[in-house]
Protein backbone atom coordinates (compact mmCIF):
# COMPACT_ATOMS: atom_id res chain seq x y z
CA UNK A 1 0.00 0.00 0.00
CA UNK A 2 1.12 3.54 -0.75
CA UNK A 3 4.28 2.21 -2.39
CA UNK A 4 4.69 5.47 -4.30
CA UNK A 5 4.48 7.61 -1.16
CA UNK A 6 7.94 6.88 0.20
CA UNK A 7 9.22 5.06 3.29
CA UNK A 8 7.59 7.44 5.80
CA UNK A 9 4.09 6.18 5.03
CA UNK A 10 4.88 2.56 4.28
CA UNK A 11 3.73 0.11 6.88
CA UNK A 12 2.51 -3.41 7.30
CA UNK A 13 -1.25 -3.47 6.89
CA UNK A 14 -3.97 -5.95 6.17
CA UNK A 15 -6.80 -5.55 3.73
CA UNK A 16 -9.89 -6.35 5.77
CA UNK A 17 -13.37 -7.25 4.61
CA UNK A 18 -15.37 -4.54 6.39
CA UNK A 19 -18.66 -6.46 6.46
CA UNK A 20 -16.98 -9.57 7.86
CA UNK A 21 -15.07 -7.52 10.44
CA UNK A 22 -18.25 -5.70 11.54
CA UNK A 23 -20.15 -9.00 11.89
CA UNK A 24 -17.31 -10.59 13.85
CA UNK A 25 -16.96 -7.62 16.21
CA UNK A 26 -20.72 -7.44 16.85
CA UNK A 27 -20.69 -11.15 17.76
CA UNK A 28 -17.64 -10.65 19.98
CA UNK A 29 -19.20 -7.71 21.82
CA UNK A 30 -22.58 -9.46 22.16
CA UNK A 31 -20.95 -12.47 23.80
CA UNK A 32 -18.94 -10.44 26.32
CA UNK A 33 -20.05 -11.25 29.86
CA UNK A 34 -21.21 -8.43 32.15
CA UNK A 35 -21.55 -5.98 29.25
CA UNK A 36 -24.87 -4.32 28.48
CA UNK A 37 -25.25 -2.80 25.04
CA UNK A 38 -27.38 0.35 24.91
CA UNK A 39 -28.04 2.13 21.65
CA UNK A 40 -28.74 5.84 21.64
CA UNK A 41 -27.45 9.27 20.80
CA UNK A 42 -25.35 10.98 23.46
CA UNK A 43 -26.76 14.38 24.39
CA UNK A 44 -24.29 15.26 27.16
CA UNK A 45 -21.42 13.93 29.25
CA UNK A 46 -21.55 13.72 33.04
CA UNK A 47 -18.28 14.78 34.65
CA UNK A 48 -16.73 14.58 38.11
CA UNK A 49 -13.95 16.62 39.65
CA UNK A 50 -11.21 14.68 41.39
CA UNK A 51 -7.88 16.08 42.56
CA UNK A 52 -8.35 19.16 40.40
CA UNK A 53 -9.02 17.13 37.27
CA UNK A 54 -12.31 16.63 35.50
CA UNK A 55 -13.19 13.18 34.19
CA UNK A 56 -16.16 11.71 32.33
CA UNK A 57 -18.28 9.60 34.66
CA UNK A 58 -21.27 8.90 32.42
CA UNK A 59 -23.47 10.08 29.60
CA UNK A 60 -26.99 11.40 29.15
CA UNK A 61 -28.79 10.06 26.10
CA UNK A 62 -31.07 12.06 23.85
CA UNK A 63 -34.15 10.44 25.46
CA UNK A 64 -32.99 11.52 28.95
CA UNK A 65 -31.60 8.12 30.00
CA UNK A 66 -28.56 8.51 32.26
CA UNK A 67 -25.82 5.91 31.98
CA UNK A 68 -23.01 5.70 34.49
């Protein structure tokens, strides 16, 4: 790939079938124990202050659902 671009952009890569990859990853995620999958659009992030730093602690979905 990019053989005409010079050594700076050359790298080992694999050509991946996107549909197959997507299907495989959905199956992998679905079978992960203790993981709930929730679909929705994120409206806002919930943040917490700790030791002077702010970090994301959850999200609020478009329908008002709060996930933490």
